[in-house]
């Protein structure tokens, strides 16, 4: 007995829909097709193919957004780590009340473990450097400034927004 199973793979499903549209075009009037006409099948096929292209583009965009977010987070993490190392020299070696103003969370001098905490720390560091401009450093590859914290925060926020979209 022949199987009338509907294929799971889209290429085979699209080919079957094309064949169904051809059959409806050739035999539709003779057998009295009203709903599943060649025009209706072709319209549904075009809509499904368009949706598949849109879906593939969205998957690519998501992968790109995910990569960009990882890069932004990595840049933020490196900046925060450098700030923490610097502050251990100019504030204190371990957590004290003097660290409160820097914005480092959880009474820790280390890089926060969550992305949310790292993102929240960047504007706090911007504000700290703005209030303490004499502590800013900009020598070659080491740039610990309010402007750098702000730029990293903006990039981080933008890439998170894109990822969430």
N, C-alpha and C. Protein backbone atom coordinates (compact mmCIF):
# COMPACT_ATOMS: atom_id res chain seq x y z
N UNK A 1 0.85 -1.17 0.00
CA UNK A 1 0.00 0.00 0.00
C UNK A 1 0.90 1.24 0.00
N UNK A 2 0.52 2.25 -0.75
CA UNK A 2 1.31 3.48 -0.85
C UNK A 2 1.14 4.32 0.41
N UNK A 3 2.18 5.03 0.73
CA UNK A 3 2.14 5.90 1.90
C UNK A 3 1.81 7.31 1.47
N UNK A 4 0.95 7.95 2.22
CA UNK A 4 0.60 9.34 1.95
C UNK A 4 1.14 10.25 3.04
N UNK A 5 2.28 9.87 3.61
CA UNK A 5 2.87 10.66 4.70
C UNK A 5 3.35 12.01 4.17
N UNK A 6 3.08 13.02 4.97
CA UNK A 6 3.54 14.37 4.63
C UNK A 6 5.01 14.47 5.07
N UNK A 7 5.89 14.92 4.19
CA UNK A 7 7.30 14.99 4.58
C UNK A 7 7.56 16.03 5.67
N UNK A 8 8.59 15.77 6.47
CA UNK A 8 8.99 16.71 7.52
C UNK A 8 9.96 17.77 7.00
N UNK A 9 10.82 17.38 6.08
CA UNK A 9 11.84 18.30 5.56
C UNK A 9 11.20 19.31 4.61
N UNK A 10 11.58 20.57 4.79
CA UNK A 10 10.97 21.63 3.99
C UNK A 10 11.20 21.49 2.49
N UNK A 11 12.37 21.11 2.01
CA UNK A 11 12.52 20.98 0.56
C UNK A 11 11.54 19.97 -0.04
N UNK A 12 11.35 18.83 0.64
CA UNK A 12 10.41 17.83 0.15
C UNK A 12 8.96 18.33 0.28
N UNK A 13 8.68 19.04 1.35
CA UNK A 13 7.34 19.59 1.54
C UNK A 13 7.02 20.63 0.48
N UNK A 14 7.98 21.49 0.18
CA UNK A 14 7.78 22.51 -0.85
C UNK A 14 7.61 21.85 -2.22
N UNK A 15 8.38 20.80 -2.50
CA UNK A 15 8.24 20.08 -3.78
C UNK A 15 6.86 19.43 -3.88
N UNK A 16 6.40 18.86 -2.78
CA UNK A 16 5.07 18.24 -2.77
C UNK A 16 3.98 19.29 -3.01
N UNK A 17 4.13 20.45 -2.41
CA UNK A 17 3.15 21.52 -2.61
C UNK A 17 3.16 21.98 -4.07
N UNK A 18 4.35 22.04 -4.66
CA UNK A 18 4.45 22.40 -6.07
C UNK A 18 3.72 21.37 -6.93
N UNK A 19 3.95 20.09 -6.64
CA UNK A 19 3.27 19.01 -7.38
C UNK A 19 1.76 19.09 -7.18
N UNK A 20 1.33 19.40 -5.96
CA UNK A 20 -0.11 19.52 -5.68
C UNK A 20 -0.71 20.67 -6.48
N UNK A 21 0.00 21.77 -6.58
CA UNK A 21 -0.48 22.91 -7.36
C UNK A 21 -0.58 22.54 -8.84
N UNK A 22 0.42 21.79 -9.33
CA UNK A 22 0.35 21.33 -10.73
C UNK A 22 -0.87 20.44 -10.95
N UNK A 23 -1.08 19.50 -10.02
CA UNK A 23 -2.24 18.61 -10.14
C UNK A 23 -3.55 19.38 -10.09
N UNK A 24 -3.63 20.35 -9.19
CA UNK A 24 -4.84 21.16 -9.09
C UNK A 24 -5.06 21.97 -10.35
N UNK A 25 -3.98 22.42 -10.96
CA UNK A 25 -4.08 23.21 -12.19
C UNK A 25 -4.60 22.35 -13.34
N UNK A 26 -4.09 21.12 -13.43
CA UNK A 26 -4.47 20.23 -14.53
C UNK A 26 -5.86 19.63 -14.31
N UNK A 27 -6.18 19.23 -13.08
CA UNK A 27 -7.41 18.47 -12.83
C UNK A 27 -8.44 19.21 -11.99
N UNK A 28 -8.13 20.39 -11.51
CA UNK A 28 -9.01 21.09 -10.57
C UNK A 28 -10.40 21.35 -11.09
N UNK A 29 -10.53 21.82 -12.29
CA UNK A 29 -11.86 22.13 -12.84
C UNK A 29 -12.65 20.84 -13.03
N UNK A 30 -11.98 19.81 -13.54
CA UNK A 30 -12.66 18.55 -13.82
C UNK A 30 -13.20 17.89 -12.56
N UNK A 31 -12.49 18.02 -11.45
CA UNK A 31 -12.95 17.36 -10.22
C UNK A 31 -13.68 18.33 -9.29
N UNK A 32 -13.81 19.58 -9.69
CA UNK A 32 -14.59 20.55 -8.92
C UNK A 32 -13.89 21.11 -7.69
N UNK A 33 -12.57 21.33 -7.78
CA UNK A 33 -11.87 21.93 -6.65
C UNK A 33 -12.37 23.35 -6.42
N UNK A 34 -12.64 23.65 -5.14
CA UNK A 34 -13.11 24.99 -4.79
C UNK A 34 -12.11 25.68 -3.87
N UNK A 35 -11.65 24.99 -2.86
CA UNK A 35 -10.78 25.61 -1.86
C UNK A 35 -9.30 25.43 -2.17
N UNK A 36 -8.88 24.22 -2.47
CA UNK A 36 -7.46 23.95 -2.71
C UNK A 36 -7.13 24.06 -4.19
N UNK A 37 -7.37 25.23 -4.73
CA UNK A 37 -7.09 25.49 -6.14
C UNK A 37 -5.59 25.70 -6.32
N UNK A 38 -5.17 25.64 -7.57
CA UNK A 38 -3.75 25.88 -7.88
C UNK A 38 -3.32 27.25 -7.38
N UNK A 39 -4.16 28.25 -7.53
CA UNK A 39 -3.82 29.60 -7.09
C UNK A 39 -3.65 29.65 -5.57
N UNK A 40 -4.54 29.00 -4.83
CA UNK A 40 -4.45 29.00 -3.37
C UNK A 40 -3.21 28.22 -2.88
N UNK A 41 -2.94 27.09 -3.53
CA UNK A 41 -1.78 26.30 -3.13
C UNK A 41 -0.50 27.08 -3.44
N UNK A 42 -0.43 27.69 -4.62
CA UNK A 42 0.76 28.48 -4.98
C UNK A 42 0.94 29.66 -4.05
N UNK A 43 -0.13 30.32 -3.66
CA UNK A 43 -0.03 31.45 -2.73
C UNK A 43 0.50 30.97 -1.37
N UNK A 44 0.00 29.83 -0.90
CA UNK A 44 0.46 29.29 0.37
C UNK A 44 1.92 28.85 0.28
N UNK A 45 2.31 28.29 -0.86
CA UNK A 45 3.69 27.86 -1.07
C UNK A 45 4.64 29.06 -1.06
N UNK A 46 4.27 30.12 -1.76
CA UNK A 46 5.11 31.33 -1.78
C UNK A 46 5.21 31.92 -0.38
N UNK A 47 4.10 31.96 0.35
CA UNK A 47 4.13 32.49 1.72
C UNK A 47 5.04 31.64 2.60
N UNK A 48 4.98 30.31 2.47
CA UNK A 48 5.83 29.43 3.28
C UNK A 48 7.30 29.59 2.91
N UNK A 49 7.60 29.71 1.63
CA UNK A 49 9.00 29.89 1.21
C UNK A 49 9.53 31.24 1.69
N UNK A 50 8.71 32.26 1.63
CA UNK A 50 9.11 33.59 2.12
C UNK A 50 9.35 33.55 3.62
N UNK A 51 8.48 32.86 4.34
CA UNK A 51 8.65 32.73 5.79
C UNK A 51 9.94 31.98 6.11
N UNK A 52 10.27 30.98 5.32
CA UNK A 52 11.51 30.21 5.55
C UNK A 52 12.74 31.10 5.33
N UNK A 53 12.71 31.93 4.32
CA UNK A 53 13.82 32.85 4.06
C UNK A 53 13.93 33.86 5.21
N UNK A 54 12.81 34.37 5.66
CA UNK A 54 12.80 35.32 6.77
C UNK A 54 13.34 34.67 8.04
N UNK A 55 12.93 33.43 8.29
CA UNK A 55 13.40 32.69 9.46
C UNK A 55 14.91 32.47 9.40
N UNK A 56 15.42 32.09 8.23
CA UNK A 56 16.86 31.86 8.08
C UNK A 56 17.64 33.15 8.32
N UNK A 57 17.11 34.27 7.82
CA UNK A 57 17.77 35.56 8.03
C UNK A 57 17.77 35.93 9.51
N UNK A 58 16.66 35.64 10.20
CA UNK A 58 16.58 35.94 11.63
C UNK A 58 17.57 35.08 12.42
N UNK A 59 17.74 33.82 12.03
CA UNK A 59 18.72 32.96 12.71
C UNK A 59 20.13 33.51 12.53
N UNK A 60 20.44 33.95 11.33
CA UNK A 60 21.76 34.53 11.06
C UNK A 60 21.96 35.80 11.89
N UNK A 61 20.93 36.65 11.93
CA UNK A 61 21.01 37.89 12.70
C UNK A 61 21.18 37.59 14.18
N UNK A 62 20.51 36.55 14.67
CA UNK A 62 20.64 36.19 16.09
C UNK A 62 22.06 35.71 16.38
N UNK A 63 22.62 34.92 15.50
CA UNK A 63 23.99 34.45 15.70
C UNK A 63 24.97 35.61 15.71
N UNK A 64 24.78 36.55 14.81
CA UNK A 64 25.63 37.74 14.76
C UNK A 64 25.47 38.56 16.04
N UNK A 65 24.22 38.76 16.46
CA UNK A 65 23.96 39.53 17.68
C UNK A 65 24.56 38.84 18.90
N UNK A 66 24.48 37.53 18.94
CA UNK A 66 25.05 36.78 20.06
C UNK A 66 26.56 36.93 20.11
N UNK A 67 27.20 36.86 18.96
CA UNK A 67 28.65 37.06 18.89
C UNK A 67 29.02 38.47 19.34
N UNK A 68 28.29 39.46 18.85
CA UNK A 68 28.56 40.85 19.22
C UNK A 68 28.39 41.07 20.72
N UNK A 69 27.38 40.42 21.30
CA UNK A 69 27.16 40.55 22.74
C UNK A 69 28.31 39.92 23.52
N UNK A 70 28.78 38.77 23.07
CA UNK A 70 29.92 38.14 23.75
C UNK A 70 31.16 39.04 23.70
N UNK A 71 31.38 39.69 22.56
CA UNK A 71 32.53 40.59 22.43
C UNK A 71 32.36 41.79 23.36
N UNK A 72 31.16 42.38 23.39
CA UNK A 72 30.91 43.53 24.28
C UNK A 72 31.10 43.14 25.74
N UNK A 73 30.59 41.98 26.10
CA UNK A 73 30.74 41.51 27.48
C UNK A 73 32.21 41.26 27.81
N UNK A 74 32.94 40.69 26.87
CA UNK A 74 34.36 40.42 27.09
C UNK A 74 35.14 41.73 27.26
N UNK A 75 34.80 42.73 26.44
CA UNK A 75 35.46 44.04 26.57
C UNK A 75 35.14 44.68 27.92
N UNK A 76 33.90 44.57 28.34
CA UNK A 76 33.50 45.11 29.64
C UNK A 76 34.22 44.39 30.77
N UNK A 77 34.29 43.07 30.66
CA UNK A 77 34.95 42.27 31.68
C UNK A 77 36.43 42.66 31.81
N UNK A 78 37.10 42.86 30.68
CA UNK A 78 38.52 43.24 30.71
C UNK A 78 38.70 44.62 31.34
N UNK A 79 37.82 45.55 31.01
CA UNK A 79 37.89 46.90 31.58
C UNK A 79 37.66 46.86 33.09
N UNK A 80 36.65 46.12 33.50
CA UNK A 80 36.33 46.01 34.93
C UNK A 80 37.48 45.35 35.69
N UNK A 81 38.06 44.32 35.09
CA UNK A 81 39.19 43.64 35.72
C UNK A 81 40.36 44.62 35.89
N UNK A 82 40.64 45.40 34.85
CA UNK A 82 41.73 46.38 34.93
C UNK A 82 41.43 47.45 35.98
N UNK A 83 40.17 47.88 36.06
CA UNK A 83 39.78 48.86 37.08
C UNK A 83 39.98 48.28 38.48
N UNK A 84 39.56 47.04 38.66
CA UNK A 84 39.71 46.40 39.96
C UNK A 84 41.17 46.30 40.36
N UNK A 85 42.03 45.92 39.42
CA UNK A 85 43.46 45.82 39.72
C UNK A 85 44.04 47.19 40.06
N UNK A 86 43.62 48.19 39.32
CA UNK A 86 44.10 49.55 39.57
C UNK A 86 43.62 50.06 40.93
N UNK A 87 42.36 49.83 41.23
CA UNK A 87 41.80 50.30 42.51
C UNK A 87 42.43 49.61 43.71
N UNK A 88 42.91 48.37 43.54
CA UNK A 88 43.60 47.72 44.65
C UNK A 88 44.90 48.46 44.99
N UNK A 89 45.43 49.20 44.02
CA UNK A 89 46.65 49.98 44.26
C UNK A 89 46.35 51.36 44.82
N UNK A 90 45.24 51.99 44.38
CA UNK A 90 44.98 53.37 44.80
C UNK A 90 43.94 53.49 45.91
N UNK A 91 43.14 52.44 46.12
CA UNK A 91 42.12 52.51 47.18
C UNK A 91 42.54 51.61 48.35
N UNK A 92 42.51 50.32 48.10
CA UNK A 92 42.98 49.35 49.10
C UNK A 92 43.07 47.99 48.44
N UNK A 93 43.85 47.12 49.04
CA UNK A 93 44.08 45.80 48.47
C UNK A 93 42.84 44.91 48.52
N UNK A 94 42.01 45.08 49.51
CA UNK A 94 40.78 44.30 49.64
C UNK A 94 39.59 45.22 49.81
N UNK A 95 38.43 44.62 49.90
CA UNK A 95 37.20 45.40 50.02
C UNK A 95 37.19 46.21 51.31
N UNK A 96 36.92 47.50 51.17
CA UNK A 96 36.69 48.38 52.31
C UNK A 96 35.54 49.30 51.93
N UNK A 97 35.10 50.11 52.87
CA UNK A 97 34.02 51.05 52.58
C UNK A 97 34.40 52.03 51.47
N UNK A 98 35.67 52.28 51.28
CA UNK A 98 36.13 53.19 50.23
C UNK A 98 35.79 52.67 48.83
N UNK A 99 35.60 51.36 48.71
CA UNK A 99 35.24 50.77 47.43
C UNK A 99 33.79 51.04 47.05
N UNK A 100 32.96 51.37 48.01
CA UNK A 100 31.52 51.60 47.75
C UNK A 100 31.31 52.58 46.59
N UNK A 101 32.08 53.65 46.58
CA UNK A 101 31.91 54.69 45.56
C UNK A 101 32.21 54.20 44.15
N UNK A 102 33.01 53.15 44.03
CA UNK A 102 33.37 52.65 42.69
C UNK A 102 32.20 51.93 42.03
N UNK A 103 31.29 51.41 42.84
CA UNK A 103 30.15 50.68 42.29
C UNK A 103 30.34 49.19 42.21
N UNK A 104 31.52 48.69 42.59
CA UNK A 104 31.72 47.24 42.57
C UNK A 104 30.69 46.59 43.50
N UNK A 105 29.94 45.60 43.01
CA UNK A 105 28.85 45.02 43.80
C UNK A 105 29.30 43.92 44.76
N UNK A 106 28.44 43.59 45.65
CA UNK A 106 28.58 42.42 46.53
C UNK A 106 29.80 42.48 47.44
N UNK A 107 30.23 43.66 47.78
CA UNK A 107 31.42 43.84 48.63
C UNK A 107 32.59 42.99 48.13
N UNK A 108 32.80 43.07 46.83
CA UNK A 108 33.86 42.31 46.20
C UNK A 108 34.68 43.24 45.31
N UNK A 109 35.96 42.94 45.19
CA UNK A 109 36.83 43.70 44.30
C UNK A 109 37.01 42.98 42.97
N UNK A 110 36.36 41.85 42.82
CA UNK A 110 36.49 41.05 41.59
C UNK A 110 35.47 41.44 40.53
N UNK A 111 35.69 40.90 39.36
CA UNK A 111 34.75 41.12 38.26
C UNK A 111 33.44 40.43 38.61
N UNK A 112 32.31 41.13 38.51
CA UNK A 112 31.02 40.52 38.82
C UNK A 112 30.76 39.29 37.96
N UNK A 113 30.07 38.33 38.53
CA UNK A 113 29.88 37.06 37.85
C UNK A 113 28.74 37.08 36.82
N UNK A 114 27.83 38.03 36.92
CA UNK A 114 26.72 38.04 35.97
C UNK A 114 26.84 39.19 34.98
N UNK A 115 26.29 38.97 33.83
CA UNK A 115 26.29 40.00 32.80
C UNK A 115 25.53 41.25 33.27
N UNK A 116 24.43 41.05 33.95
CA UNK A 116 23.65 42.18 34.46
C UNK A 116 24.47 43.04 35.42
N UNK A 117 25.22 42.39 36.30
CA UNK A 117 26.04 43.14 37.25
C UNK A 117 27.17 43.87 36.54
N UNK A 118 27.77 43.23 35.53
CA UNK A 118 28.84 43.88 34.78
C UNK A 118 28.30 45.09 34.02
N UNK A 119 27.12 44.94 33.44
CA UNK A 119 26.53 46.05 32.71
C UNK A 119 26.19 47.21 33.65
N UNK A 120 25.70 46.90 34.82
CA UNK A 120 25.37 47.93 35.81
C UNK A 120 26.61 48.61 36.39
N UNK A 121 27.70 47.89 36.44
CA UNK A 121 28.93 48.45 37.00
C UNK A 121 29.56 49.50 36.08
N UNK A 122 29.40 49.36 34.78
CA UNK A 122 30.04 50.30 33.85
C UNK A 122 29.61 51.75 34.08
N UNK A 123 28.30 52.07 34.19
CA UNK A 123 27.96 53.47 34.46
C UNK A 123 28.41 53.93 35.86
N UNK A 124 28.48 53.00 36.80
CA UNK A 124 28.98 53.36 38.13
C UNK A 124 30.46 53.74 38.04
N UNK A 125 31.22 52.99 37.25
CA UNK A 125 32.64 53.33 37.06
C UNK A 125 32.78 54.65 36.30
N UNK A 126 31.92 54.87 35.32
CA UNK A 126 31.92 56.15 34.61
C UNK A 126 31.72 57.30 35.60
N UNK A 127 30.72 57.14 36.45
CA UNK A 127 30.42 58.18 37.44
C UNK A 127 31.57 58.35 38.44
N UNK A 128 32.21 57.25 38.82
CA UNK A 128 33.33 57.32 39.75
C UNK A 128 34.49 58.10 39.13
N UNK A 129 34.82 57.77 37.89
CA UNK A 129 35.92 58.48 37.23
C UNK A 129 35.55 59.94 36.95
N UNK A 130 34.29 60.21 36.69
CA UNK A 130 33.85 61.60 36.49
C UNK A 130 34.03 62.39 37.79
N UNK A 131 33.71 61.77 38.91
CA UNK A 131 33.85 62.44 40.21
C UNK A 131 35.31 62.51 40.66
N UNK A 132 36.14 61.62 40.11
CA UNK A 132 37.56 61.55 40.52
C UNK A 132 38.46 61.57 39.27
N UNK A 133 38.47 62.66 38.54
CA UNK A 133 39.21 62.69 37.27
C UNK A 133 40.72 62.49 37.44
N UNK A 134 41.24 62.78 38.60
CA UNK A 134 42.69 62.60 38.81
C UNK A 134 43.06 61.11 38.85
N UNK A 135 42.08 60.24 38.99
CA UNK A 135 42.36 58.80 39.02
C UNK A 135 42.28 58.17 37.63
N UNK A 136 41.85 58.94 36.64
CA UNK A 136 41.77 58.39 35.28
C UNK A 136 43.18 58.11 34.75
N UNK A 137 43.27 57.05 33.97
CA UNK A 137 44.53 56.65 33.35
C UNK A 137 44.28 56.48 31.85
N UNK A 138 45.19 57.01 31.06
CA UNK A 138 45.13 56.81 29.62
C UNK A 138 46.56 56.80 29.09
N UNK A 139 47.17 55.63 29.14
CA UNK A 139 48.54 55.52 28.64
C UNK A 139 48.67 54.29 27.75
N UNK A 140 48.64 54.50 26.48
CA UNK A 140 48.75 53.40 25.53
C UNK A 140 47.54 52.50 25.55
N UNK A 141 47.77 51.25 25.88
CA UNK A 141 46.68 50.28 25.85
C UNK A 141 45.83 50.29 27.12
N UNK A 142 46.31 50.94 28.16
CA UNK A 142 45.54 51.01 29.41
C UNK A 142 44.76 52.32 29.45
N UNK A 143 43.45 52.20 29.27
CA UNK A 143 42.57 53.37 29.27
C UNK A 143 41.48 53.13 30.29
N UNK A 144 41.61 53.75 31.45
CA UNK A 144 40.63 53.65 32.52
C UNK A 144 40.09 55.06 32.74
N UNK A 145 39.06 55.40 31.98
CA UNK A 145 38.50 56.74 32.02
C UNK A 145 36.98 56.67 32.04
N UNK A 146 36.37 57.79 32.40
CA UNK A 146 34.91 57.88 32.37
C UNK A 146 34.40 57.68 30.95
N UNK A 147 35.10 58.27 29.98
CA UNK A 147 34.69 58.15 28.58
C UNK A 147 34.74 56.69 28.12
N UNK A 148 35.77 55.97 28.52
CA UNK A 148 35.88 54.55 28.13
C UNK A 148 34.77 53.72 28.78
N UNK A 149 34.50 53.96 30.03
CA UNK A 149 33.42 53.25 30.72
C UNK A 149 32.08 53.54 30.03
N UNK A 150 31.87 54.80 29.65
CA UNK A 150 30.63 55.17 28.99
C UNK A 150 30.51 54.52 27.62
N UNK A 151 31.61 54.50 26.87
CA UNK A 151 31.60 53.87 25.54
C UNK A 151 31.32 52.37 25.66
N UNK A 152 31.95 51.73 26.61
CA UNK A 152 31.71 50.29 26.82
C UNK A 152 30.27 50.03 27.23
N UNK A 153 29.74 50.88 28.10
CA UNK A 153 28.35 50.72 28.53
C UNK A 153 27.40 50.88 27.33
N UNK A 154 27.62 51.91 26.53
CA UNK A 154 26.76 52.14 25.37
C UNK A 154 26.79 50.95 24.41
N UNK A 155 27.99 50.45 24.15
CA UNK A 155 28.13 49.29 23.26
C UNK A 155 27.43 48.07 23.86
N UNK A 156 27.64 47.85 25.15
CA UNK A 156 27.03 46.71 25.84
C UNK A 156 25.51 46.81 25.78
N UNK A 157 24.98 47.98 26.08
CA UNK A 157 23.52 48.18 26.07
C UNK A 157 22.97 47.99 24.66
N UNK A 158 23.66 48.53 23.67
CA UNK A 158 23.19 48.40 22.29
C UNK A 158 23.19 46.95 21.83
N UNK A 159 24.26 46.21 22.15
CA UNK A 159 24.32 44.81 21.71
C UNK A 159 23.31 43.96 22.46
N UNK A 160 23.04 44.28 23.71
CA UNK A 160 21.99 43.54 24.43
C UNK A 160 20.62 43.84 23.84
N UNK A 161 20.39 45.11 23.50
CA UNK A 161 19.11 45.47 22.86
C UNK A 161 18.93 44.72 21.55
N UNK A 162 19.98 44.68 20.75
CA UNK A 162 19.92 43.98 19.46
C UNK A 162 19.66 42.50 19.69
N UNK A 163 20.33 41.92 20.66
CA UNK A 163 20.13 40.50 20.96
C UNK A 163 18.70 40.23 21.40
N UNK A 164 18.14 41.13 22.20
CA UNK A 164 16.77 40.95 22.69
C UNK A 164 15.73 41.11 21.59
N UNK A 165 16.08 41.90 20.57
CA UNK A 165 15.16 42.06 19.44
C UNK A 165 15.10 40.80 18.64
